[in-house]
Protein backbone atom coordinates (compact mmCIF):
# COMPACT_ATOMS: atom_id res chain seq x y z
CA MET A 1 98.56 47.77 155.43
CA VAL A 2 100.64 47.87 152.24
CA SER A 3 97.55 48.72 150.17
CA THR A 4 96.50 51.41 152.63
CA ALA A 5 99.99 52.93 152.67
CA GLY A 6 99.99 52.94 148.86
CA ALA A 7 96.62 54.65 148.82
CA MET A 8 97.81 57.34 151.22
CA LYS A 9 100.83 57.95 149.01
CA SER A 10 98.65 58.21 145.89
CA LEU A 11 96.23 60.57 147.62
CA GLN A 12 99.15 62.70 148.75
CA ARG A 13 100.32 63.05 145.14
CA SER A 14 96.80 63.97 144.06
CA LEU A 15 96.72 66.61 146.77
CA SER A 16 100.00 68.02 145.40
CA VAL A 17 98.50 68.33 141.90
CA VAL A 18 95.46 70.21 143.22
CA GLN A 19 97.63 72.41 145.39
CA ASN A 20 99.83 73.26 142.38
CA ASN A 21 96.75 74.19 140.36
CA ILE A 22 95.56 76.57 143.06
CA VAL A 23 98.96 78.21 143.46
CA ASN A 24 99.25 78.73 139.67
CA ALA A 25 95.70 79.97 139.16
CA SER A 26 97.03 83.36 138.02
CA THR A 27 100.16 82.16 136.22
CA VAL A 28 100.23 83.31 132.59
CA GLY A 29 99.93 80.40 130.18
CA TYR A 30 99.16 77.83 132.89
CA ALA A 31 96.73 75.02 132.06
CA ARG A 32 95.00 73.01 134.79
CA GLN A 33 96.63 69.65 135.54
CA GLU A 34 94.52 66.59 136.20
CA GLY A 35 95.82 63.80 138.41
CA SER A 36 94.26 60.35 138.08
CA LEU A 37 93.71 57.51 140.54
CA ILE A 38 93.64 53.96 139.20
CA ALA A 39 92.05 51.14 141.17
CA ASN A 40 94.34 48.11 141.49
CA PRO A 41 92.97 44.62 140.76
CA PHE A 42 91.33 43.17 143.84
CA ASN A 43 91.00 39.49 144.62
CA PRO A 44 89.97 38.69 148.21
CA ASN A 45 90.96 35.04 147.69
CA SER A 46 94.51 35.90 146.71
CA THR A 47 97.25 35.12 149.16
CA SER A 48 99.26 38.08 147.93
CA THR A 49 98.58 41.74 148.57
CA SER A 50 95.90 43.04 146.21
CA GLY A 51 93.56 45.99 145.82
CA GLY A 52 94.21 49.58 146.76
CA VAL A 53 94.79 52.48 144.43
CA THR A 54 97.70 53.73 142.28
CA PHE A 55 98.40 57.29 141.19
CA GLY A 56 98.13 57.45 137.38
CA PRO A 57 99.71 59.84 134.85
CA ILE A 58 99.13 63.59 135.12
CA ALA A 59 97.24 65.02 132.15
CA SER A 60 97.07 68.62 130.98
CA SER A 61 93.66 70.12 130.25
CA ARG A 62 95.11 72.27 127.47
CA ASP A 63 93.20 72.10 124.17
CA ALA A 64 95.32 72.70 121.05
CA PHE A 65 92.36 73.89 118.97
CA VAL A 66 91.30 76.44 121.57
CA GLU A 67 94.88 77.72 121.86
CA ALA A 68 95.03 78.11 118.07
CA ALA A 69 91.78 80.08 118.15
CA VAL A 70 93.21 82.45 120.78
CA TRP A 71 96.36 82.98 118.70
CA LYS A 72 94.34 83.65 115.55
CA THR A 73 92.29 86.36 117.22
CA GLN A 74 95.51 87.74 118.73
CA HIS A 75 96.92 88.05 115.19
CA ARG A 76 93.88 89.98 114.00
CA SER A 77 93.49 92.11 117.10
CA GLY A 78 97.15 93.12 117.03
CA ASN A 79 96.84 94.00 113.35
CA ALA A 80 93.76 96.20 113.72
CA ASP A 81 95.02 97.95 116.86
CA SER A 82 98.40 98.72 115.32
CA LEU A 83 96.86 100.03 112.10
CA SER A 84 94.44 102.28 113.97
CA THR A 85 97.33 103.63 116.06
CA LYS A 86 99.43 104.47 113.00
CA LEU A 87 96.48 106.00 111.13
CA SER A 88 95.64 108.14 114.16
CA GLU A 89 99.14 109.60 113.98
CA ILE A 90 98.68 110.92 110.45
CA GLU A 91 95.01 111.84 110.81
CA ARG A 92 96.20 114.92 112.69
CA THR A 93 98.16 115.90 109.58
CA PHE A 94 94.92 116.23 107.62
CA PRO A 95 92.50 118.11 109.90
CA ILE A 96 88.95 118.51 108.66
CA ALA A 97 88.15 121.59 110.77
CA ALA A 98 87.34 124.65 108.69
CA GLY A 99 90.30 126.97 108.14
CA SER A 100 92.96 124.46 109.23
CA GLY A 101 95.57 122.43 107.42
CA VAL A 102 96.19 122.42 103.67
CA SER A 103 92.51 122.82 102.89
CA GLY A 104 92.25 125.93 105.06
CA GLU A 105 95.33 127.46 103.43
CA ILE A 106 93.95 126.80 99.93
CA ASN A 107 90.72 128.57 100.83
CA LYS A 108 92.65 131.48 102.35
CA PHE A 109 94.79 131.71 99.23
CA PHE A 110 91.76 132.02 96.96
CA ALA A 111 90.14 134.49 99.34
CA THR A 112 93.27 136.65 99.03
CA ILE A 113 93.17 136.29 95.24
CA SER A 114 89.55 137.48 95.24
CA GLN A 115 90.50 140.54 97.27
CA TRP A 116 93.40 141.21 94.90
CA SER A 117 91.12 141.06 91.87
CA VAL A 118 89.15 143.99 93.29
CA SER A 119 92.31 146.12 93.47
CA PRO A 120 94.67 144.42 91.00
CA ASN A 121 97.24 147.20 91.03
CA ASP A 122 97.42 147.68 94.81
CA SER A 123 100.89 146.85 96.11
CA VAL A 124 99.56 145.75 99.51
CA ALA A 125 97.14 143.33 97.88
CA ARG A 126 99.96 141.91 95.75
CA ARG A 127 102.15 141.45 98.83
CA GLN A 128 99.33 139.64 100.58
CA VAL A 129 99.10 137.22 97.63
CA LEU A 130 102.78 136.42 98.00
CA ASN A 131 102.47 135.97 101.76
CA ARG A 132 99.46 133.70 101.40
CA ALA A 133 101.21 131.66 98.70
CA ALA A 134 104.17 131.21 101.07
CA SER A 135 101.86 130.08 103.89
CA LEU A 136 100.18 127.59 101.56
CA SER A 137 103.58 126.20 100.52
CA GLN A 138 104.58 125.80 104.15
CA SER A 139 101.33 123.97 104.86
CA PHE A 140 102.11 121.46 102.11
CA ASN A 141 105.69 121.17 103.41
CA LYS A 142 104.49 120.42 106.93
CA ALA A 143 102.05 117.75 105.75
CA ALA A 144 104.80 116.12 103.69
CA ILE A 145 107.23 116.24 106.61
CA ASP A 146 104.61 114.70 108.92
CA LEU A 147 104.07 111.83 106.47
CA GLY A 148 107.83 111.40 106.12
CA ASP A 149 108.25 111.29 109.88
CA ALA A 150 105.43 108.73 110.11
CA ALA A 151 107.23 106.64 107.50
CA GLY A 152 110.46 106.83 109.50
CA ARG A 153 108.74 105.83 112.73
CA ALA A 154 107.00 102.93 111.00
CA GLY A 155 110.32 101.72 109.59
CA THR A 156 111.90 101.85 113.05
CA GLU A 157 108.96 99.94 114.54
CA ILE A 158 109.23 97.29 111.84
CA GLY A 159 112.84 96.73 112.85
CA SER A 160 112.08 96.59 116.59
CA THR A 161 109.12 94.26 116.00
CA VAL A 162 111.31 91.86 114.03
CA GLN A 163 113.80 91.89 116.91
CA LYS A 164 111.02 91.00 119.37
CA ILE A 165 109.86 88.18 117.10
CA ASN A 166 113.39 86.78 116.88
CA ARG A 167 113.82 87.05 120.65
CA LEU A 168 110.59 85.16 121.28
CA THR A 169 111.37 82.42 118.76
CA ALA A 170 114.84 82.06 120.33
CA ASP A 171 113.16 81.66 123.74
CA ILE A 172 110.91 78.96 122.27
CA VAL A 173 113.99 77.12 120.99
CA SER A 174 115.40 77.12 124.54
CA LEU A 175 112.13 75.73 125.88
CA ASN A 176 112.12 73.08 123.14
CA LYS A 177 115.56 71.99 124.29
CA GLN A 178 114.30 71.59 127.85
CA ARG A 179 111.35 69.53 126.66
CA ARG A 180 113.46 67.35 124.39
CA GLU A 181 116.20 66.67 126.94
CA SER A 182 113.68 64.82 129.04
CA GLN A 183 110.42 63.65 127.58
CA ALA A 184 108.99 63.99 131.08
CA ASN A 185 109.46 67.73 130.81
CA SER A 186 106.91 67.85 128.00
CA ASN A 187 104.31 67.30 130.71
CA ASP A 188 105.96 69.74 133.10
CA ALA A 189 103.31 72.32 133.91
CA GLY A 190 105.89 75.03 134.52
CA VAL A 191 107.72 74.59 131.20
CA ASP A 192 104.40 74.19 129.40
CA SER A 193 102.98 77.42 130.83
CA THR A 194 106.13 79.36 129.94
CA LEU A 195 106.06 78.01 126.39
CA HIS A 196 102.43 78.96 125.81
CA ALA A 197 102.93 82.38 127.36
CA LYS A 198 105.69 82.97 124.78
CA LEU A 199 103.47 81.72 121.97
CA GLU A 200 100.64 84.03 122.98
CA GLU A 201 103.01 86.99 123.14
CA LEU A 202 104.38 86.08 119.72
CA ALA A 203 100.82 85.97 118.34
CA GLN A 204 100.47 89.71 118.92
CA PHE A 205 103.36 90.47 116.56
CA VAL A 206 103.05 88.03 113.67
CA ASP A 207 100.75 85.31 112.36
CA PHE A 208 102.20 81.82 112.63
CA THR A 209 101.35 78.13 112.72
CA ALA A 210 102.54 76.10 115.72
CA LEU A 211 102.91 72.34 115.28
CA PRO A 212 103.57 70.17 118.36
CA GLN A 213 106.04 67.32 117.79
CA GLU A 214 106.27 63.87 119.33
CA ASP A 215 109.45 64.77 121.19
CA GLY A 216 107.60 67.51 123.09
CA SER A 217 108.98 70.39 121.01
CA VAL A 218 106.92 72.89 119.02
CA SER A 219 107.69 73.97 115.45
CA ILE A 220 106.86 77.55 114.43
CA PHE A 221 106.14 78.58 110.83
CA ILE A 222 105.71 82.31 110.20
CA GLY A 223 102.83 82.97 107.86
CA GLY A 224 102.20 79.23 107.91
CA GLN A 225 105.15 78.59 105.57
CA THR A 226 108.47 80.04 106.72
CA ALA A 227 110.25 77.96 109.35
CA ALA A 228 111.33 80.00 112.36
CA VAL A 229 111.69 77.19 114.90
CA ILE A 230 112.04 73.44 114.42
CA GLY A 231 113.19 71.57 117.50
CA ASP A 232 116.37 73.24 118.73
CA HIS A 233 117.03 75.02 115.42
CA HIS A 234 116.29 78.72 115.02
CA TRP A 235 115.92 80.69 111.78
CA PRO A 236 115.66 84.42 112.53
CA ILE A 237 114.03 86.82 110.10
CA SER A 238 115.43 90.22 109.11
CA VAL A 239 114.42 93.55 107.56
CA ALA A 240 115.54 94.96 104.24
CA SER A 241 114.64 98.20 102.49
CA SER A 242 114.55 98.58 98.73
CA GLY A 243 113.18 101.57 96.84
CA GLY A 244 111.48 102.90 99.94
CA THR A 245 109.67 99.59 100.52
CA TYR A 246 110.35 97.45 103.57
CA GLN A 247 110.78 93.73 103.13
CA ILE A 248 110.93 90.85 105.59
CA MET A 249 113.59 88.31 104.69
CA ASP A 250 113.99 84.72 105.86
CA SER A 251 117.33 83.38 107.06
CA ASP A 252 118.32 82.56 103.46
CA GLY A 253 117.58 86.07 102.21
CA GLY A 254 114.27 85.19 100.59
CA ASP A 255 111.50 87.78 100.57
CA ILE A 256 108.58 86.58 102.74
CA THR A 257 106.78 89.92 103.07
CA SER A 258 103.70 88.69 101.21
CA ARG A 259 103.25 85.87 103.73
CA ILE A 260 102.88 88.24 106.68
CA ALA A 261 99.33 89.58 106.72
CA GLU A 262 98.36 89.75 110.39
CA GLY A 263 99.77 90.83 113.73
CA LYS A 264 101.55 94.08 114.47
CA LEU A 265 104.22 93.36 111.87
CA GLY A 266 101.59 92.85 109.16
CA ALA A 267 99.94 96.15 110.14
CA LEU A 268 103.23 98.06 110.04
CA LEU A 269 104.10 96.64 106.62
CA THR A 270 100.67 97.57 105.24
CA PHE A 271 100.94 101.07 106.65
CA ARG A 272 104.54 101.67 105.55
CA ASN A 273 104.48 99.97 102.14
CA THR A 274 100.92 100.57 100.94
CA LEU A 275 98.93 103.22 102.78
CA LEU A 276 101.59 105.88 103.38
CA PRO A 277 102.97 105.87 99.81
CA ASP A 278 99.42 106.29 98.50
CA TYR A 279 98.75 109.24 100.81
CA GLN A 280 102.08 110.80 99.89
CA ARG A 281 101.35 110.34 96.18
CA ARG A 282 97.95 112.03 96.53
CA LEU A 283 99.42 114.92 98.50
CA ASN A 284 102.12 115.40 95.86
CA THR A 285 99.51 115.26 93.09
CA LEU A 286 97.50 117.97 94.83
CA ALA A 287 100.56 120.18 95.40
CA GLN A 288 101.90 119.77 91.86
CA GLY A 289 98.53 120.14 90.16
CA PHE A 290 97.65 123.20 92.19
CA ALA A 291 101.03 124.86 91.56
CA ASP A 292 100.99 124.09 87.83
CA ASN A 293 97.50 125.50 87.34
CA VAL A 294 98.24 128.67 89.31
CA ASN A 295 101.53 129.16 87.46
CA GLY A 296 99.88 128.51 84.09
CA THR A 297 97.08 130.97 84.76
CA LEU A 298 99.46 133.72 85.88
CA ASN A 299 101.80 133.12 82.96
CA ALA A 300 98.92 133.70 80.56
CA GLY A 301 98.56 137.32 81.75
CA ILE A 302 100.75 140.38 82.04
CA ASP A 303 102.34 141.95 85.10
CA LEU A 304 102.09 145.46 86.49
CA ASN A 305 104.55 146.70 83.84
CA GLY A 306 102.59 145.09 80.99
CA ALA A 307 105.19 142.38 80.46
CA THR A 308 104.69 138.63 80.23
CA PRO A 309 105.80 137.05 83.55
CA ALA A 310 109.35 135.71 83.49
CA LYS A 311 108.98 133.84 86.77
CA ASN A 312 106.53 131.34 88.20
CA LEU A 313 104.83 131.98 91.52
CA PHE A 314 105.40 128.42 92.75
CA THR A 315 108.37 126.11 92.30
CA TYR A 316 108.95 122.50 93.38
CA ASN A 317 111.11 119.42 92.80
CA ALA A 318 108.91 116.63 91.49
CA GLY A 319 111.71 114.07 91.91
CA ILE A 320 111.91 114.65 95.65
CA GLY A 321 108.21 115.38 96.06
CA ALA A 322 106.14 118.40 95.12
CA ALA A 323 104.52 118.74 98.55
CA ALA A 324 107.82 118.59 100.44
CA THR A 325 109.63 121.05 98.16
CA LEU A 326 106.83 123.45 97.23
CA SER A 327 107.82 127.10 97.72
CA ILE A 328 107.45 130.47 96.08
CA THR A 329 110.11 131.90 93.83
CA ASN A 330 111.77 135.26 94.27
CA ILE A 331 108.98 136.84 92.23
CA THR A 332 107.99 140.34 93.36
CA GLY A 333 104.51 141.74 93.79
CA ALA A 334 104.89 143.89 90.68
CA GLU A 335 105.70 140.77 88.63
CA LEU A 336 102.37 139.09 89.46
CA ALA A 337 100.13 139.05 86.41
CA ALA A 338 96.64 140.38 87.16
CA ALA A 339 95.66 141.59 83.72
CA ALA A 340 95.11 139.90 80.39
CA PRO A 341 97.35 140.74 77.41
CA GLY A 342 96.04 143.85 75.69
CA ASP A 343 94.35 145.05 78.87
CA PRO A 344 97.06 146.61 81.03
CA GLY A 345 95.93 147.47 84.55
CA GLY A 346 92.94 145.12 84.34
CA ASN A 347 91.98 142.16 86.56
CA THR A 348 91.04 139.43 84.02
CA THR A 349 93.92 137.10 84.97
CA ALA A 350 93.29 137.65 88.68
CA LEU A 351 89.63 136.68 88.14
CA ASP A 352 90.71 133.61 86.15
CA LEU A 353 92.97 132.69 89.03
CA ALA A 354 90.09 133.04 91.51
CA ASP A 355 87.97 130.78 89.29
CA LEU A 356 90.46 127.94 89.85
CA GLN A 357 88.86 127.43 93.25
CA SER A 358 85.78 125.93 91.59
CA ALA A 359 87.58 124.37 88.62
CA ALA A 360 87.71 120.56 88.28
CA LEU A 361 91.47 120.25 88.15
CA PHE A 362 91.82 116.67 89.43
CA THR A 363 89.80 114.21 87.37
CA GLY A 364 86.53 116.03 87.90
CA LEU A 365 87.38 117.25 91.39
CA THR A 366 88.29 120.70 92.64
CA SER A 367 91.32 121.19 94.86
CA ALA A 368 89.12 121.22 97.96
CA GLN A 369 87.22 118.11 96.85
CA TYR A 370 90.43 116.25 96.05
CA TYR A 371 91.82 117.08 99.48
CA ALA A 372 88.52 116.11 101.11
CA GLU A 373 88.65 112.75 99.33
CA LEU A 374 92.14 112.18 100.71
CA THR A 375 91.15 113.05 104.28
CA SER A 376 87.95 111.02 103.94
CA ASN A 377 89.94 107.99 102.79
CA ILE A 378 92.20 108.22 105.85
CA GLY A 379 89.27 108.77 108.20
CA ASP A 380 87.24 105.91 106.74
CA ARG A 381 90.15 103.50 106.99
CA LEU A 382 90.81 104.61 110.57
CA ASN A 383 87.16 104.12 111.54
CA THR A 384 87.19 100.70 109.89
CA GLU A 385 90.27 99.60 111.82
CA ILE A 386 88.90 100.98 115.10
CA ALA A 387 85.66 99.06 114.60
CA ASN A 388 87.56 95.95 113.53
CA GLY A 389 89.86 96.26 116.54
CA GLY A 390 86.87 96.45 118.88
CA LEU A 391 85.34 93.37 117.24
CA GLN A 392 88.60 91.42 117.38
CA ARG A 393 89.07 92.29 121.06
CA GLN A 394 85.60 90.92 121.78
CA LEU A 395 86.38 87.74 119.83
CA LEU A 396 89.69 87.46 121.65
CA GLN A 397 87.94 87.81 125.01
CA GLN A 398 85.46 85.11 124.00
CA ALA A 399 88.26 82.77 122.90
CA GLN A 400 90.13 83.40 126.15
CA ASN A 401 86.96 82.77 128.14
CA VAL A 402 86.44 79.44 126.36
CA ARG A 403 90.05 78.54 127.09
CA ALA A 404 89.67 79.50 130.75
CA GLU A 405 86.53 77.39 130.99
CA LEU A 406 88.23 74.35 129.46
CA SER A 407 91.73 74.57 130.90
CA GLY A 408 91.77 77.38 133.44
CA VAL A 409 91.87 76.88 137.19
CA ASP A 410 88.58 77.31 139.04
CA ILE A 411 89.47 77.89 142.67
CA ASN A 412 86.06 76.65 143.88
CA VAL A 413 86.36 73.40 141.93
CA GLU A 414 89.91 72.82 143.11
CA ALA A 415 88.91 73.56 146.71
CA THR A 416 86.17 70.91 146.43
CA LYS A 417 88.72 68.41 145.10
CA LEU A 418 91.01 69.34 147.95
CA LEU A 419 88.31 68.55 150.52
CA GLN A 420 87.45 65.26 148.83
CA LEU A 421 91.06 64.15 148.75
CA GLN A 422 91.58 65.29 152.31
CA LYS A 423 88.65 63.17 153.46
CA GLY A 424 90.04 60.20 151.52
CA PHE A 425 93.43 60.69 153.10
CA GLN A 426 91.85 60.91 156.56
CA ALA A 427 89.85 57.74 155.91
CA ALA A 428 92.96 55.88 154.80
CA GLY A 429 94.70 57.17 157.90
CA GLN A 430 91.93 55.80 160.09
CA VAL A 431 92.18 52.43 158.36
CA MET A 432 95.92 52.47 158.98
CA ALA A 433 95.31 53.31 162.65
CA VAL A 434 92.88 50.41 162.99
CA LEU A 435 95.33 48.05 161.31
CA ASN A 436 98.10 49.22 163.63
CA SER A 437 95.86 48.62 166.64
CA MET A 438 94.92 45.16 165.41
CA THR A 439 98.57 44.34 164.80
CA GLU A 440 99.55 45.46 168.28
CA THR A 441 96.71 43.40 169.78
CA LEU A 442 97.78 40.34 167.78
CA LEU A 443 101.40 40.74 168.84
CA GLY A 444 100.28 41.10 172.45
CA MET A 445 98.31 37.87 172.27
CA LEU A 446 101.32 36.09 170.77
CA ARG A 447 103.49 37.29 173.65
C-alpha cells in the first residue's frame, strides 16, 4: 500500500508537469519540461517495503546551442531590417524618375541655358536663367536638409536603442538575482522562460554572448567582450557624440563602438557614422563642383554691358556644407555673362556654359553621371540589405523551427503523455482499491 501510494503521488507530479507544458504552449521563451519516473529497488524477499516508483528531477529540454543560433540570426536580421528601413528613408531624397530631384533640376538648368544661348541678350531669357539657378539651389538645399534630418533621427534612435538595451540587461540582472537566491529557481520554468524571452528581445538590438553560470545566473557580454551583466551586477552602456560621429561607451567611458557590428544598434551606427557622411560628402562635392564650374565659366565672359562680371551666380559656405548653403547671389540678369571678351552681344560664354552638361567635371564623370552614381550606390545598398534581410528572416525562421522541434511544446505529444499517465494513475488506484478490500477482509476475519 505504501508503494502504491508513492506511485500515485509520483504519477500526480508527472501529470502536473505535462499539464504545465500544455498551459504554457504559447508562452514566449518557454521550453518543454520533462518529468522523470525512477523505479525503486525491488526485492520480493525483503521484509521491508520495497519497489514502487519515485518522481525524479525535472529537466528542461532547452538546448543552449540552438538558443545561441536563434540569437545570432536575430542579430543579423535586426541589422539588415534596420539598415533597409533607414536607407529607404533617404532613397526618396534621391529620386531616379526623369525630371525630379537634383538631377531633374540640373537638366532643367542646362535646358534654360541652351534657350538663353539662342537669345543671349533677351531679358526674359536671362531672368529664366536666374529663376532656374534658384530652383536648382533649393533642390540641393532640400536634399541636404533631408540627409540632415535623417542623421538627426538616426542619432535619436541610437539613444533610444541604448536605453532599451540597458533596460533589458537590468531586467536580466533581476532575473539572475531570483535564480541565485534559490538554486531551485534555476530550474523554474517560469523564471527560465522570462529570462530567455528577454535574451531574445535583446538579440534584436545588439549582438552579445550569453554565458550560463553554475549559480543559475547568465552573464552578458556585448560584442562578445564588454561586460553588461555578471550575476547581480549591471554595467550600462551610453552614447557620446564627437565630431558628428556617434560612439557607444562602456560604464568606464571606454569606446566600444567597433565591437558592435550587428543588431539594430549596429545598423544605426553604420548608417549614422559611415553611410550618411559619405552621401553628404558626395552631395556637397556635386554642389560645390557644379557651382564652381558655372561661376568660372561665367566669369570668363562679359556681361550685357561688356564688363567682366563682378559677382558670381552661385554662392555657398563650404564649411557648413555646399549643398545646404547653395544659393544665388544678388546678381541681376544684365550682369550674366553670355558673350566672350572682344565679342559684345555674342553667345560664346552661354554656349560654353551649356557644354558643361556633357563635361567630365567629376573624375571623368559629368554632373548627371556623378549624381547617378550616388543614387545607384544608395539603391544598390538598399537592395542588398533588403535581400539580406529576407535571407536572415528565413534563417531565423529555420532556427526557431529547430528550437520548437527540440524544446517546444507539442500539444499532441503532451496529450498522449497525459493519457498514459492517467491510465497509470487509474491502475494504481485500482491496486489501492484491491489492497483496501483485502485489508478490510483480513480485519473482518480477525474480528
